[in-house]
Amino acid sequence: MYTDKAGESRFRFKAKNGEVIATSEGYKTKASCLNGVDSVRKNAPGAEVVKKD
């Protein structure tokens, strides 16, 4: 997770080789962003989540 220039929270999913394979929309709150991450994780079990501020 990270905060973009507009102040919105976003997340990226990266492959093991570091390539970005998915990006999220901007979320107004970190809680909403985490809900988005949780939704994807439910459909991709075993995915690692790394928080980057």
Protein backbone atom coordinates (compact mmCIF):
# COMPACT_ATOMS: atom_id res chain seq x y z
CA MET A 1 0.00 0.00 0.00
CA TYR A 2 1.08 3.54 -0.63
CA THR A 3 -0.35 7.05 -0.72
CA ASP A 4 -0.43 8.70 -4.14
CA LYS A 5 0.13 12.40 -4.92
CA ALA A 6 -3.61 13.08 -4.56
CA GLY A 7 -3.54 11.68 -1.01
CA GLU A 8 -5.43 8.50 -1.89
CA SER A 9 -4.40 5.03 -0.77
CA ARG A 10 -3.55 2.49 -3.47
CA PHE A 11 -2.07 -0.98 -3.70
CA ARG A 12 -0.04 -2.92 -6.26
CA PHE A 13 0.47 -6.63 -6.70
CA LYS A 14 3.87 -7.73 -7.92
CA ALA A 15 5.08 -11.03 -9.34
CA LYS A 16 8.09 -12.76 -7.79
CA ASN A 17 10.29 -11.13 -10.44
CA GLY A 18 9.19 -7.68 -9.24
CA GLU A 19 6.94 -6.92 -12.20
CA VAL A 20 3.72 -5.10 -11.29
CA ILE A 21 0.84 -7.33 -12.35
CA ALA A 22 -2.09 -5.39 -10.87
CA THR A 23 -2.79 -1.89 -9.57
CA SER A 24 -5.77 -0.60 -7.64
CA GLU A 25 -7.95 2.42 -7.95
CA GLY A 26 -7.44 5.24 -5.44
CA TYR A 27 -9.24 4.87 -2.12
CA LYS A 28 -10.17 7.79 0.12
CA THR A 29 -9.24 5.89 3.30
CA LYS A 30 -6.61 3.32 4.23
CA ALA A 31 -9.40 1.14 5.64
CA SER A 32 -11.12 1.05 2.25
CA CYS A 33 -7.83 0.21 0.58
CA LEU A 34 -7.25 -2.64 3.03
CA ASN A 35 -10.76 -3.92 2.23
CA GLY A 36 -9.73 -3.99 -1.43
CA VAL A 37 -6.56 -5.91 -0.57
CA ASP A 38 -8.57 -8.36 1.55
CA SER A 39 -10.99 -8.91 -1.32
CA VAL A 40 -8.17 -9.81 -3.69
CA ARG A 41 -6.43 -11.97 -1.08
CA LYS A 42 -9.59 -14.04 -0.63
CA ASN A 43 -9.37 -14.84 -4.32
CA ALA A 44 -5.57 -15.32 -4.30
CA PRO A 45 -4.72 -17.30 -1.16
CA GLY A 46 -1.09 -17.26 -0.18
CA ALA A 47 -0.42 -13.81 -1.62
CA GLU A 48 2.04 -11.77 0.44
CA VAL A 49 1.03 -8.21 1.36
CA VAL A 50 3.76 -5.63 1.99
CA LYS A 51 2.88 -2.19 3.38
CA LYS A 52 5.00 0.63 1.97
CA ASP A 53 4.59 4.17 3.31
